[in-house]
Amino acid sequence: MFITRDHLTRLAIHLGRAVAHPGRLYWIGETSLVWEGVRRWTDEIELAADLDAAERSAFDSARAVAAEELGARVVDDHPDEVIPLPDGWRDRCRPVSDPPATGPLELLHFDTVSVAFRFLARGDEEDYTLILALLENGWLEKGEMDAQLDAVLPRFSFDTIAQDPEEFRRKYRGLGQMWRARRG
């Protein structure tokens, strides 16, 4: 399935109608890139939601219905379930361009530093490609990543990211080498 911005718009409106109280709906990774026109499509929708507990059930049901109607995988995976988030992540979330009417849901792009760390922790080839796309399009600055990594790495442990923090550092150095090679 090729998920386009049109599909994302319909999903956001559908999810906004499912909740009654204010909350935040975040696009993550390639979903953000598709929304902003950096990429034309993705094969799955990655999102996260900050909602009060009373809204979660209605939201999850609406997400499941929308996924079935779209014939797409809709992954609700808050980055804080994978890694400790850097301080100030909420302040670095960005509003989406031209948001549709999503009722009480505020539609945002999740903090790209947190997203980059989350995908780097997994470390698949497409994860590196995504992080490099964020860097190339100015959504992420390597210097900011360096500063945030120094602040957050002491909170990483095998229990919090399911890998040795030293392994994460190796992946991060590898990403830096890839970024320098792309920049010439």
Protein backbone atom coordinates (compact mmCIF):
# COMPACT_ATOMS: atom_id res chain seq x y z
CA MET A 1 0.00 0.00 0.00
CA PHE A 2 1.32 3.44 -0.90
CA ILE A 3 0.31 5.84 1.87
CA THR A 4 0.15 9.46 0.67
CA ARG A 5 -0.64 12.74 2.37
CA ASP A 6 -4.26 12.26 1.32
CA HIS A 7 -4.42 9.06 3.38
CA LEU A 8 -2.79 10.80 6.33
CA THR A 9 -5.30 13.64 6.16
CA ARG A 10 -8.23 11.23 6.24
CA LEU A 11 -6.66 9.36 9.16
CA ALA A 12 -6.03 12.52 11.20
CA ILE A 13 -9.61 13.73 10.69
CA HIS A 14 -10.98 10.29 11.58
CA LEU A 15 -8.90 10.12 14.78
CA GLY A 16 -9.84 13.68 15.74
CA ARG A 17 -13.52 12.79 15.52
CA ALA A 18 -13.00 9.81 17.83
CA VAL A 19 -11.88 11.81 20.86
CA ALA A 20 -13.70 14.41 22.93
CA HIS A 21 -10.87 15.94 24.96
CA PRO A 22 -7.71 17.77 23.90
CA GLY A 23 -4.69 15.71 23.07
CA ARG A 24 -1.74 15.56 20.74
CA LEU A 25 -1.32 13.41 17.67
CA TYR A 26 2.25 13.14 16.42
CA TRP A 27 3.51 12.03 13.03
CA ILE A 28 6.78 10.14 13.28
CA GLY A 29 9.57 9.46 10.79
CA GLU A 30 8.56 8.81 7.19
CA THR A 31 4.99 9.80 8.02
CA SER A 32 6.27 13.32 8.74
CA LEU A 33 8.30 13.35 5.53
CA VAL A 34 5.25 12.34 3.49
CA TRP A 35 3.08 14.96 5.18
CA GLU A 36 5.54 17.74 4.35
CA GLY A 37 6.10 16.57 0.78
CA VAL A 38 9.71 15.45 1.23
CA ARG A 39 8.62 11.95 0.23
CA ARG A 40 5.64 11.07 -1.93
CA TRP A 41 4.57 7.98 -0.01
CA THR A 42 5.36 5.52 2.74
CA ASP A 43 4.28 1.94 3.29
CA GLU A 44 3.14 2.37 6.89
CA ILE A 45 1.91 5.14 9.13
CA GLU A 46 3.88 5.81 12.29
CA LEU A 47 2.27 7.95 14.93
CA ALA A 48 2.04 8.53 18.65
CA ALA A 49 -0.65 10.12 20.73
CA ASP A 50 -0.67 11.89 24.06
CA LEU A 51 -4.20 11.48 25.38
CA ASP A 52 -5.84 11.15 28.75
CA ALA A 53 -6.63 7.58 29.76
CA ALA A 54 -10.36 8.01 29.12
CA GLU A 55 -9.69 8.79 25.45
CA ARG A 56 -7.22 5.97 24.76
CA SER A 57 -9.79 3.23 24.12
CA ALA A 58 -11.81 5.32 21.64
CA PHE A 59 -8.61 6.40 19.91
CA ASP A 60 -7.30 2.83 19.63
CA SER A 61 -10.60 1.61 18.21
CA ALA A 62 -10.68 4.46 15.67
CA ARG A 63 -7.07 3.74 14.71
CA ALA A 64 -7.85 0.06 14.11
CA VAL A 65 -10.90 0.91 11.98
CA ALA A 66 -8.93 3.45 9.95
CA ALA A 67 -6.06 1.01 9.41
CA GLU A 68 -8.49 -1.57 8.06
CA GLU A 69 -10.25 0.97 5.83
CA LEU A 70 -6.92 2.24 4.48
CA GLY A 71 -5.53 -1.26 4.14
CA ALA A 72 -2.41 0.01 5.84
CA ARG A 73 -0.32 -0.70 8.89
CA VAL A 74 -0.80 2.09 11.45
CA VAL A 75 1.85 1.86 14.15
CA ASP A 76 1.16 3.71 17.39
CA ASP A 77 4.59 3.65 19.01
CA HIS A 78 5.52 6.52 21.29
CA PRO A 79 9.31 6.98 21.21
CA ASP A 80 9.44 7.07 25.03
CA GLU A 81 8.48 3.38 24.96
CA VAL A 82 11.78 2.68 23.19
CA ILE A 83 14.30 5.19 24.54
CA PRO A 84 14.56 7.79 27.30
CA LEU A 85 13.62 11.05 25.60
CA PRO A 86 15.96 14.04 25.65
CA ASP A 87 14.94 16.96 27.84
CA GLY A 88 12.84 19.55 26.05
CA TRP A 89 11.44 17.11 23.47
CA ARG A 90 7.94 18.59 23.76
CA ASP A 91 9.28 22.04 22.91
CA ARG A 92 10.97 20.65 19.78
CA CYS A 93 7.79 19.10 18.36
CA ARG A 94 6.71 21.09 15.30
CA PRO A 95 3.24 21.87 14.03
CA VAL A 96 2.41 20.28 10.70
CA SER A 97 1.89 22.49 7.66
CA ASP A 98 -1.71 23.06 6.63
CA PRO A 99 -3.32 20.92 9.35
CA PRO A 100 -6.79 19.56 8.68
CA ALA A 101 -9.63 20.01 11.17
CA THR A 102 -8.82 17.37 13.77
CA GLY A 103 -11.17 18.53 16.50
CA PRO A 104 -9.51 18.47 19.90
CA LEU A 105 -6.33 16.82 18.60
CA GLU A 106 -3.34 19.04 17.94
CA LEU A 107 -1.40 17.61 15.00
CA LEU A 108 2.40 17.80 15.30
CA HIS A 109 5.62 16.25 14.08
CA PHE A 110 7.37 14.47 16.94
CA ASP A 111 10.71 15.91 18.04
CA THR A 112 13.17 14.88 15.34
CA VAL A 113 16.05 14.43 17.79
CA SER A 114 14.02 11.86 19.72
CA VAL A 115 12.89 10.24 16.47
CA ALA A 116 16.48 10.00 15.25
CA PHE A 117 17.62 8.38 18.51
CA ARG A 118 14.68 5.99 18.48
CA PHE A 119 15.44 4.80 14.94
CA LEU A 120 19.18 4.72 15.57
CA ALA A 121 18.57 2.40 18.54
CA ARG A 122 16.94 -0.06 16.12
CA GLY A 123 19.63 0.60 13.53
CA ASP A 124 18.21 -0.97 10.35
CA GLU A 125 19.43 0.37 6.99
CA GLU A 126 16.14 2.20 6.39
CA ASP A 127 16.48 3.79 9.85
CA TYR A 128 19.80 5.36 8.86
CA THR A 129 18.26 6.48 5.56
CA LEU A 130 15.44 8.19 7.45
CA ILE A 131 17.82 9.98 9.82
CA LEU A 132 19.96 11.13 6.90
CA ALA A 133 16.83 12.46 5.17
CA LEU A 134 15.97 14.45 8.30
CA LEU A 135 19.48 15.90 8.33
CA GLU A 136 19.51 16.64 4.59
CA ASN A 137 16.19 18.47 4.75
CA GLY A 138 17.20 20.64 7.71
CA TRP A 139 14.77 19.04 10.13
CA LEU A 140 17.66 17.93 12.30
CA GLU A 141 21.06 19.40 13.08
CA LYS A 142 24.01 17.15 13.84
CA GLY A 143 25.28 19.60 16.47
CA GLU A 144 21.96 19.48 18.30
CA MET A 145 22.02 15.70 18.16
CA ASP A 146 25.54 15.71 19.64
CA ALA A 147 24.45 17.96 22.51
CA GLN A 148 21.28 15.99 23.23
CA LEU A 149 23.14 12.68 23.09
CA ASP A 150 25.63 13.86 25.70
CA ALA A 151 22.71 14.84 27.92
CA VAL A 152 20.60 11.71 27.44
CA LEU A 153 23.17 8.91 27.05
CA PRO A 154 23.75 8.58 30.81
CA ARG A 155 20.05 7.60 31.09
CA PHE A 156 20.45 4.84 28.48
CA SER A 157 20.92 1.34 29.79
CA PHE A 158 20.34 -2.17 28.56
CA ASP A 159 16.97 -2.02 30.33
CA THR A 160 15.88 1.25 28.68
CA ILE A 161 16.96 0.66 25.06
CA ALA A 162 17.55 -3.10 25.02
CA GLN A 163 21.17 -2.66 24.01
CA ASP A 164 24.45 -1.65 25.52
CA PRO A 165 24.84 2.13 25.51
CA GLU A 166 28.29 1.58 23.99
CA GLU A 167 26.61 -0.14 21.03
CA PHE A 168 24.41 2.93 20.63
CA ARG A 169 27.54 5.12 20.60
CA ARG A 170 29.04 2.92 17.85
CA LYS A 171 25.87 3.29 15.78
CA TYR A 172 25.95 7.04 16.35
CA ARG A 173 29.57 7.28 15.18
CA GLY A 174 28.63 5.25 12.10
CA LEU A 175 25.78 7.67 11.38
CA GLY A 176 28.22 10.57 11.68
CA GLN A 177 30.52 8.93 9.15
CA MET A 178 27.62 8.39 6.74
CA TRP A 179 26.55 12.03 7.14
CA ARG A 180 30.05 13.35 6.47
CA ALA A 181 30.37 11.11 3.40
CA ARG A 182 27.07 12.41 2.00
CA ARG A 183 28.11 15.99 2.51
CA GLY A 184 31.35 15.36 0.58
